[in-house]
N, C-alpha and C. Protein backbone atom coordinates (compact mmCIF):
# COMPACT_ATOMS: atom_id res chain seq x y z
N GLU A 1 0.94 -1.14 0.02
CA GLU A 1 0.29 -0.11 -0.18
C GLU A 1 0.84 1.31 -0.16
N ASP A 2 0.52 2.27 -1.00
CA ASP A 2 1.21 3.48 -0.87
C ASP A 2 1.11 4.42 0.27
N PRO A 3 1.81 4.89 0.35
CA PRO A 3 2.00 6.10 1.72
C PRO A 3 0.65 7.27 1.34
N ASP A 4 0.20 7.79 2.16
CA ASP A 4 -0.42 8.95 1.94
C ASP A 4 0.20 10.79 2.12
N PHE A 5 0.47 11.29 1.16
CA PHE A 5 0.95 12.82 1.53
C PHE A 5 -0.22 13.83 1.36
N GLU A 6 0.20 14.44 2.33
CA GLU A 6 -0.49 15.99 2.85
C GLU A 6 0.64 17.26 2.82
N GLN A 7 0.40 18.01 2.41
CA GLN A 7 0.36 19.71 2.47
C GLN A 7 0.52 20.23 3.73
N GLU A 8 1.51 20.03 3.99
CA GLU A 8 1.23 20.88 5.23
C GLU A 8 3.11 21.60 5.11
N LYS A 9 39.61 32.01 4.84
CA LYS A 9 40.02 32.12 5.64
C LYS A 9 39.99 33.58 6.75
N GLY A 10 39.71 33.43 7.91
CA GLY A 10 39.19 34.58 8.56
C GLY A 10 40.23 35.50 9.47
N GLU A 11 39.87 36.78 9.54
CA GLU A 11 40.56 37.98 10.19
C GLU A 11 40.83 37.25 11.55
N GLU A 12 42.27 37.83 11.87
CA GLU A 12 42.53 37.65 13.52
C GLU A 12 41.80 38.12 14.29
N GLU A 13 41.32 37.35 15.38
CA GLU A 13 40.72 38.50 16.26
C GLU A 13 41.09 39.74 17.52
N ALA A 14 40.30 40.31 17.70
CA ALA A 14 40.88 41.57 17.93
C ALA A 14 41.41 41.30 19.51
N PRO A 15 42.27 41.93 20.07
CA PRO A 15 42.76 41.87 21.68
C PRO A 15 41.63 41.67 22.31
N GLY A 16 41.53 40.80 23.44
CA GLY A 16 40.02 40.73 24.63
C GLY A 16 39.07 40.59 24.08
N VAL A 17 38.83 40.00 22.62
CA VAL A 17 37.28 40.41 22.22
C VAL A 17 37.26 38.22 22.11
N GLU A 18 36.63 37.75 22.59
CA GLU A 18 36.16 35.94 22.78
C GLU A 18 35.29 35.83 21.52
N GLU A 19 35.61 34.57 20.89
CA GLU A 19 35.13 33.63 19.84
C GLU A 19 33.71 33.59 20.28
N GLU A 20 32.70 33.83 19.44
CA GLU A 20 31.25 33.62 19.71
C GLU A 20 31.21 31.93 19.53
N GLU A 21 30.46 31.23 20.41
CA GLU A 21 30.08 29.73 20.22
C GLU A 21 29.23 29.53 19.14
N PRO A 22 29.41 28.55 18.21
CA PRO A 22 27.94 28.45 17.31
C PRO A 22 26.91 28.62 17.50
N LYS A 23 26.25 28.96 17.20
CA LYS A 23 24.54 28.74 17.73
C LYS A 23 24.18 27.16 17.09
N ALA A 24 23.33 26.86 17.92
CA ALA A 24 22.75 25.57 17.71
C ALA A 24 21.60 25.70 17.29
N ARG A 25 21.69 24.58 15.93
CA ARG A 25 20.97 24.71 14.85
C ARG A 25 19.57 23.77 15.32
N VAL A 26 18.22 24.87 15.06
CA VAL A 26 17.01 24.41 15.52
C VAL A 26 16.38 24.42 14.35
N VAL A 27 15.35 23.61 13.89
CA VAL A 27 14.86 23.40 12.48
C VAL A 27 13.34 23.24 13.13
N GLU A 28 12.35 24.27 12.15
CA GLU A 28 11.14 24.37 12.51
C GLU A 28 9.84 23.84 11.42
N PHE A 29 8.75 22.64 12.04
CA PHE A 29 8.19 22.57 11.58
C PHE A 29 6.79 22.63 11.55
N PHE A 30 5.78 22.12 10.95
CA PHE A 30 4.42 22.27 11.07
C PHE A 30 4.47 23.75 10.99
N GLY A 31 4.79 24.34 9.90
CA GLY A 31 4.92 25.71 10.10
C GLY A 31 4.84 26.72 11.22
N GLY A 32 6.08 26.23 11.35
CA GLY A 32 6.69 27.32 12.56
C GLY A 32 6.68 26.76 14.10
N LYS A 33 5.50 25.65 14.53
CA LYS A 33 4.12 25.40 15.17
C LYS A 33 5.03 24.84 16.40
N ARG A 34 6.14 24.25 15.45
CA ARG A 34 7.21 23.02 16.10
C ARG A 34 8.75 23.33 15.90
N SER A 35 9.51 23.22 17.00
CA SER A 35 11.06 23.41 16.70
C SER A 35 11.47 22.70 17.27
N PHE A 36 12.65 22.05 16.45
CA PHE A 36 13.93 20.98 17.32
C PHE A 36 15.43 21.60 17.48
N GLU A 37 15.81 21.87 18.77
CA GLU A 37 17.43 21.94 18.66
C GLU A 37 18.00 20.51 18.31
N LEU A 38 18.55 20.45 16.95
CA LEU A 38 19.00 19.05 17.00
C LEU A 38 19.60 18.26 17.94
N GLU A 39 20.86 19.43 18.40
CA GLU A 39 21.64 17.97 19.55
C GLU A 39 20.92 17.85 20.56
N LYS A 40 19.47 18.41 20.88
CA LYS A 40 18.97 18.10 21.66
C LYS A 40 18.16 16.66 22.08
N ILE A 41 17.75 16.39 20.49
CA ILE A 41 16.71 15.67 20.13
C ILE A 41 17.21 14.89 19.65
N PRO A 42 16.88 13.20 19.75
CA PRO A 42 16.91 11.68 19.52
C PRO A 42 17.12 12.00 17.46
N HIS A 43 18.12 11.81 17.28
CA HIS A 43 18.42 11.85 15.77
C HIS A 43 19.46 10.82 14.97
N VAL A 44 19.52 10.79 13.81
CA VAL A 44 20.60 9.78 12.77
C VAL A 44 21.02 10.75 11.61
N GLY A 45 22.13 10.32 11.86
CA GLY A 45 22.74 11.56 10.16
C GLY A 45 23.11 12.74 11.38
N PRO A 46 23.76 13.42 9.93
CA PRO A 46 24.73 14.73 10.88
C PRO A 46 23.66 16.33 10.99
N VAL A 47 24.25 16.74 12.14
CA VAL A 47 23.01 17.55 12.36
C VAL A 47 22.86 19.07 11.50
N ASP A 48 24.03 18.92 10.34
CA ASP A 48 24.32 19.85 9.46
C ASP A 48 23.91 19.92 7.96
N ALA A 49 22.95 18.57 8.21
CA ALA A 49 22.83 17.95 6.60
C ALA A 49 22.20 19.08 6.63
N PRO A 50 21.89 18.85 5.08
CA PRO A 50 21.07 20.38 4.43
C PRO A 50 19.23 19.65 4.39
N HIS A 51 19.21 18.59 4.68
CA HIS A 51 17.83 18.24 4.65
C HIS A 51 17.49 17.50 6.10
N VAL A 52 16.33 17.89 6.65
CA VAL A 52 16.45 17.40 8.23
C VAL A 52 14.53 16.78 7.96
N LEU A 53 14.12 15.44 8.07
CA LEU A 53 13.18 14.87 8.28
C LEU A 53 12.75 14.72 9.56
N LEU A 54 11.16 14.41 9.51
CA LEU A 54 10.94 14.15 11.11
C LEU A 54 9.98 12.64 11.00
N LYS A 55 10.53 11.56 11.70
CA LYS A 55 9.73 10.67 12.02
C LYS A 55 9.38 10.60 13.36
N PHE A 56 7.78 10.27 13.27
CA PHE A 56 6.93 9.37 14.21
C PHE A 56 6.94 8.21 13.64
N PHE A 57 7.29 6.92 15.16
CA PHE A 57 7.35 6.13 14.56
C PHE A 57 6.93 4.91 16.27
N ASP A 58 6.81 3.46 15.83
CA ASP A 58 6.72 2.90 17.18
C ASP A 58 7.78 1.58 16.41
N TYR A 59 8.91 1.40 17.91
CA TYR A 59 9.89 -0.01 17.28
C TYR A 59 9.19 -1.03 16.95
N THR A 60 7.91 -1.38 17.40
CA THR A 60 7.20 -2.72 17.75
C THR A 60 6.33 -2.49 16.53
N CYS A 61 6.34 -1.69 15.69
CA CYS A 61 5.19 -1.52 14.31
C CYS A 61 6.05 -2.22 13.26
N ALA A 62 5.13 -3.22 12.23
CA ALA A 62 6.12 -3.66 10.96
C ALA A 62 6.31 -2.67 10.34
N SER A 63 5.46 -1.84 9.94
CA SER A 63 5.97 -0.89 8.84
C SER A 63 6.75 0.24 9.30
N CYS A 64 6.71 0.28 10.50
CA CYS A 64 7.51 1.58 11.23
C CYS A 64 9.20 0.87 10.98
N ARG A 65 9.38 -0.55 10.95
CA ARG A 65 10.92 -1.49 10.61
C ARG A 65 10.75 -1.22 9.23
N ASP A 66 9.75 -1.12 8.35
CA ASP A 66 10.11 -0.99 6.60
C ASP A 66 10.72 0.24 6.63
N MET A 67 10.20 1.47 7.05
CA MET A 67 10.45 3.00 7.00
C MET A 67 11.70 3.11 7.46
N HIS A 68 12.16 2.22 8.56
CA HIS A 68 13.38 2.36 9.07
C HIS A 68 14.58 1.48 7.79
N GLY A 69 14.36 0.97 7.16
CA GLY A 69 15.06 -0.02 6.58
C GLY A 69 15.23 1.24 5.04
N ASP A 70 14.00 1.81 4.74
CA ASP A 70 13.92 2.95 3.63
C ASP A 70 14.59 3.86 4.09
N LEU A 71 14.81 4.52 5.08
CA LEU A 71 15.96 5.72 5.53
C LEU A 71 17.24 5.51 5.20
N GLU A 72 17.42 4.25 6.27
CA GLU A 72 18.80 3.40 5.74
C GLU A 72 19.64 3.69 4.49
N ALA A 73 18.32 3.27 3.56
CA ALA A 73 18.80 3.39 2.18
C ALA A 73 19.27 4.71 1.78
N LEU A 74 18.12 5.51 2.23
CA LEU A 74 18.22 6.87 1.44
C LEU A 74 19.93 7.62 2.12
N GLN A 75 19.79 7.41 3.30
CA GLN A 75 20.94 7.86 4.04
C GLN A 75 22.57 7.47 3.29
N LYS A 76 22.47 6.05 3.31
CA LYS A 76 23.36 5.06 2.41
C LYS A 76 23.46 6.05 0.89
N ALA A 77 22.41 6.08 0.37
CA ALA A 77 23.06 6.71 -1.06
C ALA A 77 23.35 8.00 -1.30
N TYR A 78 22.87 9.01 0.23
CA TYR A 78 23.00 10.47 -0.11
C TYR A 78 23.83 10.36 1.02
N PRO A 79 24.96 9.88 1.60
CA PRO A 79 25.89 10.34 2.97
C PRO A 79 25.92 11.68 3.13
N GLY A 80 25.47 12.19 4.55
CA GLY A 80 25.72 13.32 4.53
C GLY A 80 24.42 14.15 4.16
N GLN A 81 23.61 14.36 3.48
CA GLN A 81 22.52 14.83 3.02
C GLN A 81 21.41 14.96 4.11
N PHE A 82 21.31 13.97 4.74
CA PHE A 82 19.82 13.95 5.62
C PHE A 82 20.23 13.69 6.77
N CYS A 83 19.54 14.38 7.50
CA CYS A 83 19.57 14.23 9.54
C CYS A 83 17.78 13.76 9.78
N ILE A 84 17.91 12.54 10.09
CA ILE A 84 16.24 12.33 10.72
C ILE A 84 16.48 12.49 12.09
N ILE A 85 15.56 13.28 12.61
CA ILE A 85 14.83 13.28 13.99
C ILE A 85 14.08 12.23 14.20
N LEU A 86 14.09 11.67 15.37
CA LEU A 86 13.25 10.73 15.44
C LEU A 86 12.48 10.57 17.14
N LEU A 87 11.52 10.30 16.80
CA LEU A 87 10.18 10.65 17.98
C LEU A 87 9.27 9.65 18.21
N PRO A 88 9.91 8.66 19.17
CA PRO A 88 8.63 7.13 19.39
C PRO A 88 7.90 8.04 19.91
N THR A 89 6.74 7.36 18.92
CA THR A 89 5.52 7.62 19.31
C THR A 89 4.50 5.85 19.37
N PRO A 90 4.54 5.24 21.14
CA PRO A 90 4.24 3.67 21.01
C PRO A 90 2.75 3.94 20.81
N LEU A 91 2.32 2.91 20.38
CA LEU A 91 0.97 2.60 19.78
C LEU A 91 0.77 1.68 20.71
N ASN A 92 0.15 2.30 21.79
CA ASN A 92 -0.22 1.35 22.90
C ASN A 92 -1.12 2.55 23.80
N ARG A 93 -2.56 2.25 24.17
CA ARG A 93 -3.35 3.02 25.13
C ARG A 93 -2.46 3.20 26.84
N GLY A 94 -1.89 2.68 27.11
CA GLY A 94 -1.14 2.58 28.25
C GLY A 94 -0.48 3.74 28.49
N CYS A 95 -0.32 4.31 27.20
CA CYS A 95 1.04 5.66 27.57
C CYS A 95 0.30 6.63 26.56
N ASN A 96 -0.20 6.02 25.39
CA ASN A 96 -0.94 7.01 24.19
C ASN A 96 -2.23 7.04 24.33
N PRO A 97 -2.62 8.25 24.76
CA PRO A 97 -4.18 8.72 25.20
C PRO A 97 -4.99 9.04 24.07
N HIS A 98 -4.04 8.85 22.24
CA HIS A 98 -4.79 9.56 20.97
C HIS A 98 -4.91 8.41 20.32
N MET A 99 -4.71 6.78 20.88
CA MET A 99 -4.76 6.16 19.95
C MET A 99 -6.11 5.93 19.15
N THR A 100 -6.76 5.62 17.77
CA THR A 100 -8.42 5.31 17.35
C THR A 100 -8.56 4.08 17.41
N ASN A 101 -9.83 4.38 17.69
CA ASN A 101 -10.65 2.82 17.95
C ASN A 101 -10.21 1.44 16.97
N ARG A 102 -9.73 1.77 15.87
CA ARG A 102 -9.22 0.81 14.75
C ARG A 102 -7.64 0.51 14.90
N MET A 103 -7.24 1.08 15.79
CA MET A 103 -5.51 0.49 15.85
C MET A 103 -5.68 0.00 17.13
N PRO A 104 -4.81 -1.48 16.97
CA PRO A 104 -4.64 -2.28 17.97
C PRO A 104 -3.63 -2.01 18.84
N ASP A 105 -3.39 -2.34 20.21
CA ASP A 105 -2.49 -1.77 21.04
C ASP A 105 -1.06 -3.08 20.81
N HIS A 106 -0.20 -2.22 20.85
CA HIS A 106 1.36 -2.84 20.64
C HIS A 106 1.60 -3.58 22.29
N LYS A 107 1.97 -4.74 21.97
CA LYS A 107 2.88 -5.14 23.63
C LYS A 107 3.88 -4.47 23.47
N ASP A 108 4.01 -3.89 24.86
CA ASP A 108 5.78 -3.35 25.54
C ASP A 108 5.75 -1.82 24.66
N ALA A 109 5.15 -1.53 23.81
CA ALA A 109 5.62 -0.72 22.88
C ALA A 109 6.06 0.74 23.66
N CYS A 110 4.97 1.23 24.67
CA CYS A 110 5.57 2.03 25.84
C CYS A 110 6.99 2.10 26.58
N GLU A 111 6.77 1.12 27.17
CA GLU A 111 8.30 0.37 27.75
C GLU A 111 9.70 0.44 26.94
N ILE A 112 9.37 0.11 25.63
CA ILE A 112 10.57 -0.20 24.79
C ILE A 112 10.54 1.30 24.63
N SER A 113 9.71 2.44 23.96
CA SER A 113 10.12 3.33 23.46
C SER A 113 10.75 3.92 25.01
N ARG A 114 10.26 4.33 25.52
CA ARG A 114 10.92 4.97 26.85
C ARG A 114 12.49 4.70 27.30
N LEU A 115 12.41 3.24 26.83
CA LEU A 115 14.14 2.60 27.37
C LEU A 115 14.88 3.38 26.13
N ALA A 116 14.62 3.51 24.91
CA ALA A 116 15.51 4.17 24.01
C ALA A 116 15.12 5.65 24.07
N LEU A 117 14.23 6.02 24.69
CA LEU A 117 15.08 7.84 25.18
C LEU A 117 15.61 7.78 26.32
N GLY A 118 15.80 6.84 27.26
CA GLY A 118 16.94 6.79 28.00
C GLY A 118 17.85 6.73 27.59
N VAL A 119 18.38 5.77 27.09
CA VAL A 119 19.37 5.76 26.19
C VAL A 119 19.66 6.87 25.52
N TRP A 120 19.01 7.57 24.75
CA TRP A 120 19.66 8.98 24.16
C TRP A 120 20.33 10.22 25.28
N ARG A 121 19.12 9.78 26.50
CA ARG A 121 19.85 11.12 27.51
C ARG A 121 20.89 10.49 28.45
N LYS A 122 20.89 9.41 28.49
CA LYS A 122 22.18 8.86 29.24
C LYS A 122 23.36 8.48 28.61
N ASN A 123 23.21 7.73 27.47
CA ASN A 123 24.27 7.18 26.78
C ASN A 123 23.81 7.60 24.96
N PRO A 124 23.94 8.88 24.88
CA PRO A 124 23.38 9.74 23.58
C PRO A 124 24.59 9.43 22.54
N GLU A 125 25.66 8.77 22.38
CA GLU A 125 26.72 8.67 21.86
C GLU A 125 26.38 6.99 21.18
N SER A 126 25.84 6.15 22.00
CA SER A 126 25.12 5.21 22.06
C SER A 126 23.75 4.91 21.00
N PHE A 127 22.88 5.79 21.45
CA PHE A 127 21.61 5.63 20.97
C PHE A 127 21.55 5.40 19.40
N GLU A 128 22.24 5.63 18.43
CA GLU A 128 21.85 5.35 16.95
C GLU A 128 22.31 3.75 16.71
N LYS A 129 23.25 2.91 17.60
CA LYS A 129 23.25 1.66 17.54
C LYS A 129 22.24 1.16 17.67
N VAL A 130 21.57 1.22 19.11
CA VAL A 130 20.62 0.96 19.92
C VAL A 130 19.26 0.96 19.27
N HIS A 131 18.87 2.17 18.01
CA HIS A 131 18.03 2.42 17.52
C HIS A 131 18.07 1.39 16.44
N HIS A 132 19.18 1.16 15.75
CA HIS A 132 18.84 0.15 15.02
C HIS A 132 18.81 -1.07 15.11
N ALA A 133 19.73 -1.33 16.21
CA ALA A 133 19.22 -2.64 16.70
C ALA A 133 17.94 -3.20 17.07
N LEU A 134 17.13 -2.27 17.74
CA LEU A 134 15.68 -2.74 18.47
C LEU A 134 15.01 -2.59 17.26
N PHE A 135 15.24 -2.03 15.65
CA PHE A 135 14.71 -2.69 14.62
C PHE A 135 15.02 -4.02 13.77
N GLU A 136 16.31 -3.99 13.84
CA GLU A 136 16.94 -5.09 12.88
C GLU A 136 16.49 -6.40 13.93
N ARG A 137 16.72 -6.05 14.92
CA ARG A 137 16.81 -7.72 15.96
C ARG A 137 15.79 -7.79 16.34
N ARG A 138 14.26 -6.82 16.13
CA ARG A 138 13.07 -7.42 16.69
C ARG A 138 12.63 -7.75 18.06
N PRO A 139 13.14 -7.50 18.90
CA PRO A 139 12.28 -7.98 20.06
C PRO A 139 11.31 -8.18 20.20
N LYS A 140 10.88 -8.69 20.94
CA LYS A 140 9.28 -9.27 21.15
C LYS A 140 8.28 -9.15 22.29
N SER A 141 9.65 -8.49 23.23
CA SER A 141 9.20 -8.40 24.82
C SER A 141 10.29 -7.31 25.35
N LEU A 142 9.34 -6.40 26.28
CA LEU A 142 10.67 -5.13 26.74
C LEU A 142 11.79 -6.16 27.15
N ALA A 143 12.11 -7.37 27.91
CA ALA A 143 12.86 -7.99 28.28
C ALA A 143 14.05 -8.02 26.86
N GLN A 144 13.66 -8.46 26.20
CA GLN A 144 14.61 -8.73 25.00
C GLN A 144 15.01 -7.58 24.67
N ALA A 145 14.33 -6.51 24.57
CA ALA A 145 14.86 -5.25 24.37
C ALA A 145 16.03 -4.71 25.24
N GLU A 146 15.54 -5.05 26.52
CA GLU A 146 16.29 -4.41 27.61
C GLU A 146 17.80 -5.44 27.58
N SER A 147 17.69 -6.51 26.93
CA SER A 147 19.20 -7.32 26.79
C SER A 147 19.66 -6.76 25.50
N ILE A 148 18.87 -6.10 24.11
CA ILE A 148 19.84 -5.68 23.97
C ILE A 148 20.74 -4.43 23.94
N VAL A 149 19.92 -3.57 25.29
CA VAL A 149 20.56 -2.27 25.42
C VAL A 149 21.79 -2.66 26.18
N GLY A 150 21.74 -3.87 27.01
CA GLY A 150 22.45 -3.96 28.36
C GLY A 150 23.95 -4.74 27.24
N GLU A 151 23.79 -4.82 26.26
CA GLU A 151 24.79 -5.71 25.48
C GLU A 151 25.50 -4.50 24.60
N LEU A 152 24.58 -3.68 24.27
CA LEU A 152 25.41 -2.66 23.55
C LEU A 152 25.90 -1.59 23.94
N VAL A 153 25.09 -1.10 25.57
CA VAL A 153 25.62 -0.32 26.36
C VAL A 153 26.31 -0.49 27.62
N ALA A 154 27.16 -0.75 27.61
CA ALA A 154 27.94 -1.21 29.11
C ALA A 154 27.58 -0.47 30.18
N GLY A 155 26.93 -0.96 31.41
CA GLY A 155 26.39 -0.02 32.59
C GLY A 155 25.67 0.39 32.31
N PHE A 156 24.98 0.43 31.46
CA PHE A 156 23.32 1.20 31.56
C PHE A 156 22.66 0.67 32.46
N ASP A 157 22.14 1.29 33.22
CA ASP A 157 21.13 1.45 34.34
C ASP A 157 19.56 2.14 34.20
N SER A 158 18.95 1.05 33.19
CA SER A 158 17.43 1.39 32.77
C SER A 158 16.76 1.94 34.12
N ALA A 159 16.60 1.81 35.27
CA ALA A 159 15.90 2.09 36.38
C ALA A 159 16.36 3.63 36.26
N GLU A 160 17.49 3.71 36.79
CA GLU A 160 18.07 5.07 36.61
C GLU A 160 17.43 6.06 35.58
N ALA A 161 17.81 5.39 34.64
CA ALA A 161 17.42 6.33 33.24
C ALA A 161 16.05 6.66 33.69
N LEU A 162 15.04 5.81 33.41
CA LEU A 162 14.38 6.13 33.44
C LEU A 162 13.54 6.72 34.31
N LYS A 163 14.13 7.28 35.33
CA LYS A 163 13.81 8.30 36.07
C LYS A 163 13.27 10.19 35.64
N ASP A 164 14.19 10.12 34.24
CA ASP A 164 13.99 11.37 33.94
C ASP A 164 13.00 12.11 33.28
N PRO A 165 12.52 12.97 33.98
CA PRO A 165 11.18 13.30 33.84
C PRO A 165 11.26 14.19 31.93
N TRP A 166 12.13 14.21 31.48
CA TRP A 166 12.58 14.58 30.05
C TRP A 166 11.77 13.71 29.13
N ILE A 167 11.96 12.32 29.59
CA ILE A 167 11.34 11.15 28.88
C ILE A 167 9.66 11.45 28.78
N GLU A 168 9.08 11.33 29.80
CA GLU A 168 7.66 11.78 29.72
C GLU A 168 7.02 12.99 28.91
N THR A 169 8.27 13.83 29.34
CA THR A 169 7.48 15.16 28.66
C THR A 169 7.23 15.22 27.34
N GLN A 170 8.90 14.83 26.65
CA GLN A 170 8.91 14.54 25.50
C GLN A 170 7.35 13.78 24.34
N LEU A 171 7.33 12.14 25.21
CA LEU A 171 6.67 11.48 24.85
C LEU A 171 5.16 12.54 24.83
N GLN A 172 4.96 12.79 25.63
CA GLN A 172 3.49 14.06 25.75
C GLN A 172 3.26 14.95 24.66
N GLU A 173 4.67 15.61 24.43
CA GLU A 173 4.76 16.54 22.97
C GLU A 173 4.61 15.22 21.85
N ASP A 174 5.02 14.74 21.48
CA ASP A 174 4.73 13.74 20.40
C ASP A 174 3.51 12.98 20.00
N PHE A 175 3.29 12.81 21.45
CA PHE A 175 1.26 12.31 21.45
C PHE A 175 0.75 13.71 20.71
N SER A 176 0.87 14.79 21.20
CA SER A 176 -0.03 15.67 20.66
C SER A 176 -0.22 16.06 19.34
N ASP A 177 1.39 15.78 18.83
CA ASP A 177 1.28 15.94 17.38
C ASP A 177 0.66 14.88 16.84
N PHE A 178 1.05 13.70 16.85
CA PHE A 178 0.24 11.98 16.40
C PHE A 178 -1.54 12.36 16.46
N ARG A 179 -1.68 12.71 17.88
CA ARG A 179 -3.24 13.36 17.46
C ARG A 179 -3.50 14.10 16.19
N LEU A 180 -2.91 15.33 15.97
CA LEU A 180 -3.19 15.85 14.98
C LEU A 180 -3.16 15.01 13.73
N LEU A 181 -1.79 14.45 13.31
CA LEU A 181 -1.51 13.56 12.33
C LEU A 181 -2.68 12.38 11.77
N THR A 182 -2.81 11.72 12.76
CA THR A 182 -3.93 10.80 12.93
C THR A 182 -5.28 11.27 12.40
N GLN A 183 -6.02 12.40 12.53
CA GLN A 183 -6.61 13.15 11.87
C GLN A 183 -6.75 13.04 10.42
N ASN A 184 -5.82 13.14 10.11
CA ASN A 184 -5.62 13.12 8.14
C ASN A 184 -5.70 11.63 8.24
N SER A 185 -4.72 11.02 8.88
CA SER A 185 -4.60 9.50 8.44
C SER A 185 -4.17 8.97 9.75
N PRO A 186 -4.38 7.66 10.07
CA PRO A 186 -4.13 6.78 11.00
C PRO A 186 -2.99 6.09 10.53
N LYS A 187 -2.53 5.81 9.28
CA LYS A 187 -0.97 5.39 8.71
C LYS A 187 -0.07 5.53 9.91
N MET A 188 0.57 4.70 10.08
CA MET A 188 1.94 4.74 10.50
C MET A 188 3.22 4.02 9.70
N PRO A 189 4.32 4.55 9.38
CA PRO A 189 4.95 5.68 10.49
C PRO A 189 4.54 6.98 9.76
N LYS A 190 4.80 7.92 10.12
CA LYS A 190 4.91 9.37 9.40
C LYS A 190 5.99 10.08 9.96
N LEU A 191 6.33 10.59 8.17
CA LEU A 191 8.10 11.36 8.07
C LEU A 191 6.94 12.97 7.70
N VAL A 192 7.48 13.84 8.28
CA VAL A 192 6.92 15.12 8.37
C VAL A 192 8.81 16.28 7.73
N PHE A 193 8.10 17.10 6.21
CA PHE A 193 9.14 17.44 6.07
C PHE A 193 9.15 19.17 6.44
N THR A 194 10.03 19.66 6.25
CA THR A 194 9.79 21.17 6.90
C THR A 194 8.79 22.12 5.95
N ASP A 195 8.40 21.53 4.51
CA ASP A 195 7.62 22.65 4.02
C ASP A 195 6.35 21.95 4.32
N ALA A 196 5.71 21.22 5.60
CA ALA A 196 4.80 21.07 5.61
C ALA A 196 3.97 19.61 5.39
N THR A 197 4.53 19.05 4.47
CA THR A 197 4.26 17.78 3.71
C THR A 197 4.29 16.81 4.52
N VAL A 198 3.25 16.13 4.87
CA VAL A 198 3.59 14.71 5.49
C VAL A 198 3.48 13.48 4.79
N MET A 199 4.00 12.59 4.99
CA MET A 199 4.03 10.94 4.38
C MET A 199 3.58 10.05 5.33
N HIS A 200 2.34 9.89 5.18
CA HIS A 200 1.19 8.50 6.11
C HIS A 200 1.93 7.00 5.45
N GLY A 201 2.38 6.23 6.35
CA GLY A 201 2.71 4.89 5.91
C GLY A 201 3.92 5.12 5.11
N ILE A 202 4.24 4.21 4.01
CA ILE A 202 5.47 3.36 3.68
C ILE A 202 5.33 3.14 1.90
N SER A 203 6.35 3.68 1.56
CA SER A 203 6.17 2.68 -0.31
C SER A 203 5.76 1.63 -0.59
N ARG A 204 5.91 1.07 -1.22
CA ARG A 204 5.85 -0.91 -1.61
C ARG A 204 6.77 -0.78 -1.85
N LYS A 205 7.76 -0.15 -2.21
CA LYS A 205 9.15 -0.66 -2.53
C LYS A 205 9.67 0.57 -2.21
N THR A 206 11.64 -0.03 -1.52
CA THR A 206 12.41 1.01 -1.39
C THR A 206 12.70 1.80 -2.27
N GLU A 207 12.85 1.30 -3.65
CA GLU A 207 13.40 2.04 -4.99
C GLU A 207 12.21 3.28 -4.96
N ILE A 208 10.94 3.04 -4.70
CA ILE A 208 9.96 4.24 -4.85
C ILE A 208 10.25 5.24 -3.90
N PHE A 209 10.55 4.65 -2.51
CA PHE A 209 10.92 5.33 -1.72
C PHE A 209 11.76 6.50 -2.16
N LEU A 210 12.99 5.90 -2.29
CA LEU A 210 14.36 6.68 -2.83
C LEU A 210 14.16 7.73 -3.86
N GLU A 211 13.00 7.26 -5.29
CA GLU A 211 13.07 8.19 -6.31
C GLU A 211 11.68 9.43 -5.66
N VAL A 212 11.04 8.93 -4.56
CA VAL A 212 10.05 10.40 -3.97
C VAL A 212 11.04 10.92 -3.55
N MET A 213 12.18 10.90 -2.69
CA MET A 213 12.64 11.65 -2.08
C MET A 213 13.82 12.45 -2.89
N THR A 214 14.26 11.57 -4.14
CA THR A 214 15.64 12.37 -5.00
C THR A 214 14.56 13.42 -5.38
N ASP A 215 13.45 12.94 -6.25
CA ASP A 215 12.38 14.30 -6.87
C ASP A 215 11.96 15.16 -5.79
N LYS A 216 11.92 14.99 -4.80
CA LYS A 216 11.04 16.29 -3.82
C LYS A 216 12.22 17.37 -3.20
N PHE A 217 13.84 16.56 -2.86
CA PHE A 217 15.07 17.32 -2.48
C PHE A 217 16.34 17.55 -3.61
N GLY A 218 15.77 16.79 -4.66
CA GLY A 218 16.92 17.40 -5.83
C GLY A 218 17.97 16.37 -5.75
N VAL A 219 18.23 15.69 -4.51
CA VAL A 219 19.93 15.24 -4.69
C VAL A 219 19.85 14.61 -6.03
N THR A 220 20.95 13.86 -5.71
CA THR A 220 21.75 13.61 -7.18
C THR A 220 22.85 12.61 -6.24
N GLY A 221 23.31 11.38 -7.30
CA GLY A 221 24.51 10.34 -6.28
C GLY A 221 25.44 11.44 -6.84
N GLU A 222 25.85 12.18 -6.94
CA GLU A 222 26.88 12.92 -7.30
C GLU A 222 27.24 13.82 -5.71
N GLU A 223 26.25 14.15 -5.54
CA GLU A 223 25.98 14.84 -4.26
C GLU A 223 26.67 14.23 -2.86
N GLY A 224 25.80 12.90 -3.59
CA GLY A 224 26.29 11.44 -2.38
C GLY A 224 27.16 11.00 -2.03
N GLU A 225 28.21 11.34 -3.30
CA GLU A 225 29.45 10.49 -2.90
C GLU A 225 30.68 11.21 -2.40
């Protein structure tokens, strides 16, 4: 099933003058209603990439796993061109109050998303490999997900990490966006572009996804080399 789209050399410093710190990169979405400081939010890809995408997903969602593969293929085809902001949005009524009636609950979705966000906060340098592993190794339970994290992040204390109030605050913000996006289409995952276009669901083939992204952003193989 195809996805749905909607349109939404420098001079020397003078004595006593301190060099200004580089400004953090902030990217806006939804017509400026949401903004993200890239260094402070889960992401994969360089923060100075020319193209930034926003992904709402669930680690236990099969279509989200397919989209993960599509985005990996995109970043491999065009290295350095894309940064993906990652917003885990569990499909479970235990934490997500905006599930529609037709959406089934996904077992342990809330807990696995919190676990991944805990890794981002405590060990951000390990987040990317944990993120990939949670999709590629397909844990069927929270215990299996915890085992993956324990294997990849030495000394990770999940109980301590999950005390961070930022995790619940971030989830609630993501759920609010999810509620609005789901009014237009229940399909997951959701990929949001800075021009307010939203892709609901996945492409039939990775090749089709790459063609869509290539046309939309005007990237070429030469840029990706």
